[in-house]
């Protein structure tokens, strides 16, 4: 999912579940959402991820969230996951322009 697509979903109050998978110290410096599940905890907490709505995973650059999305889809057959292209770093740079 692109920054522009996410911004639109947030602005239109769409039903999207957002998970920040960065480490707590990264999350504390700023975030897009209220839920922080660090990458090393996600697989043990997969039951907290809804299957009935669009779910967005994001990290700092998009690399960890892309890999995690693939892993969850393979191991748990989710089909509602997205990851934020460019991650929080790009969100910080581009979202201000909208």
Protein backbone atom coordinates (compact mmCIF):
# COMPACT_ATOMS: atom_id res chain seq x y z
CA UNK A 1 0.00 0.00 0.00
CA UNK A 2 1.32 3.42 -0.86
CA UNK A 3 1.48 6.42 1.46
CA UNK A 4 -1.19 8.15 -0.65
CA UNK A 5 -3.54 5.15 -0.40
CA UNK A 6 -3.09 4.95 3.38
CA UNK A 7 -3.63 8.68 3.81
CA UNK A 8 -6.89 8.39 1.84
CA UNK A 9 -8.09 5.47 3.99
CA UNK A 10 -7.33 7.39 7.18
CA UNK A 11 -8.94 10.60 5.91
CA UNK A 12 -12.11 8.76 4.89
CA UNK A 13 -12.17 6.86 8.19
CA UNK A 14 -12.10 3.52 6.39
CA UNK A 15 -12.16 0.35 8.45
CA UNK A 16 -8.45 -0.51 8.46
CA UNK A 17 -6.46 -2.16 11.24
CA UNK A 18 -2.91 -0.77 11.44
CA UNK A 19 -0.04 -2.48 13.26
CA UNK A 20 3.35 -0.89 13.90
CA UNK A 21 5.88 -3.73 14.03
CA UNK A 22 8.86 -1.58 14.97
CA UNK A 23 10.66 -1.88 18.28
CA UNK A 24 9.14 0.06 21.22
CA UNK A 25 11.89 2.69 21.14
CA UNK A 26 11.10 3.35 17.45
CA UNK A 27 7.36 3.49 18.13
CA UNK A 28 7.84 6.00 20.95
CA UNK A 29 9.45 8.47 18.55
CA UNK A 30 6.24 8.67 16.50
CA UNK A 31 3.65 6.40 14.93
CA UNK A 32 0.63 6.17 12.65
CA UNK A 33 -1.45 3.98 14.96
CA UNK A 34 -2.06 3.01 18.58
CA UNK A 35 -0.99 -0.64 18.29
CA UNK A 36 2.66 -1.62 18.52
CA UNK A 37 3.50 -5.32 18.24
CA UNK A 38 7.27 -5.64 17.80
CA UNK A 39 8.34 -7.94 14.97
CA UNK A 40 9.66 -10.64 17.30
CA UNK A 41 6.24 -10.90 19.02
CA UNK A 42 3.92 -10.88 16.01
CA UNK A 43 3.91 -14.60 15.23
CA UNK A 44 3.05 -15.47 18.84
CA UNK A 45 0.29 -12.83 18.81
CA UNK A 46 -1.13 -13.57 15.36
CA UNK A 47 -4.52 -14.22 16.97
CA UNK A 48 -4.76 -10.45 17.60
CA UNK A 49 -4.76 -9.73 13.87
CA UNK A 50 -8.28 -9.53 12.43
CA UNK A 51 -9.16 -11.62 9.41
CA UNK A 52 -12.35 -9.75 8.51
CA UNK A 53 -10.91 -6.34 7.58
CA UNK A 54 -7.96 -4.76 5.78
CA UNK A 55 -4.80 -4.97 7.90
CA UNK A 56 -1.73 -2.82 7.33
CA UNK A 57 1.68 -3.73 8.74
CA UNK A 58 4.44 -1.15 8.80
CA UNK A 59 8.01 -0.77 9.99
CA UNK A 60 10.68 1.88 9.43
CA UNK A 61 11.51 1.20 5.77
CA UNK A 62 8.96 -1.39 4.61
CA UNK A 63 11.40 -4.31 4.49
CA UNK A 64 10.46 -6.00 7.77
CA UNK A 65 6.74 -5.53 7.17
CA UNK A 66 6.97 -6.96 3.63
CA UNK A 67 8.75 -10.07 4.94
CA UNK A 68 6.35 -10.46 7.86
CA UNK A 69 3.32 -10.13 5.57
CA UNK A 70 4.67 -12.96 3.41
CA UNK A 71 5.39 -15.15 6.44
CA UNK A 72 1.93 -14.67 8.00
CA UNK A 73 0.22 -15.33 4.67
CA UNK A 74 2.20 -18.56 4.20
CA UNK A 75 1.81 -19.91 7.74
CA UNK A 76 -1.69 -18.70 8.58
CA UNK A 77 -3.42 -18.26 5.18
CA UNK A 78 -4.33 -14.61 5.71
CA UNK A 79 -5.53 -12.81 2.58
CA UNK A 80 -6.23 -9.34 4.00
CA UNK A 81 -2.71 -8.12 4.76
CA UNK A 82 -0.91 -5.14 3.28
CA UNK A 83 2.40 -3.50 4.06
CA UNK A 84 3.31 0.17 3.82
CA UNK A 85 5.69 0.80 0.94
CA UNK A 86 8.63 2.79 2.23
CA UNK A 87 7.49 2.38 5.84
CA UNK A 88 7.22 5.02 8.52
CA UNK A 89 10.26 6.82 7.16
CA UNK A 90 8.46 7.56 3.89
CA UNK A 91 5.21 8.32 5.73
CA UNK A 92 7.02 11.06 7.67
CA UNK A 93 8.44 12.52 4.46
CA UNK A 94 5.40 12.31 2.19
CA UNK A 95 2.27 12.55 4.34
CA UNK A 96 2.95 16.20 5.13
CA UNK A 97 2.65 17.00 1.43
CA UNK A 98 -1.02 15.90 1.33
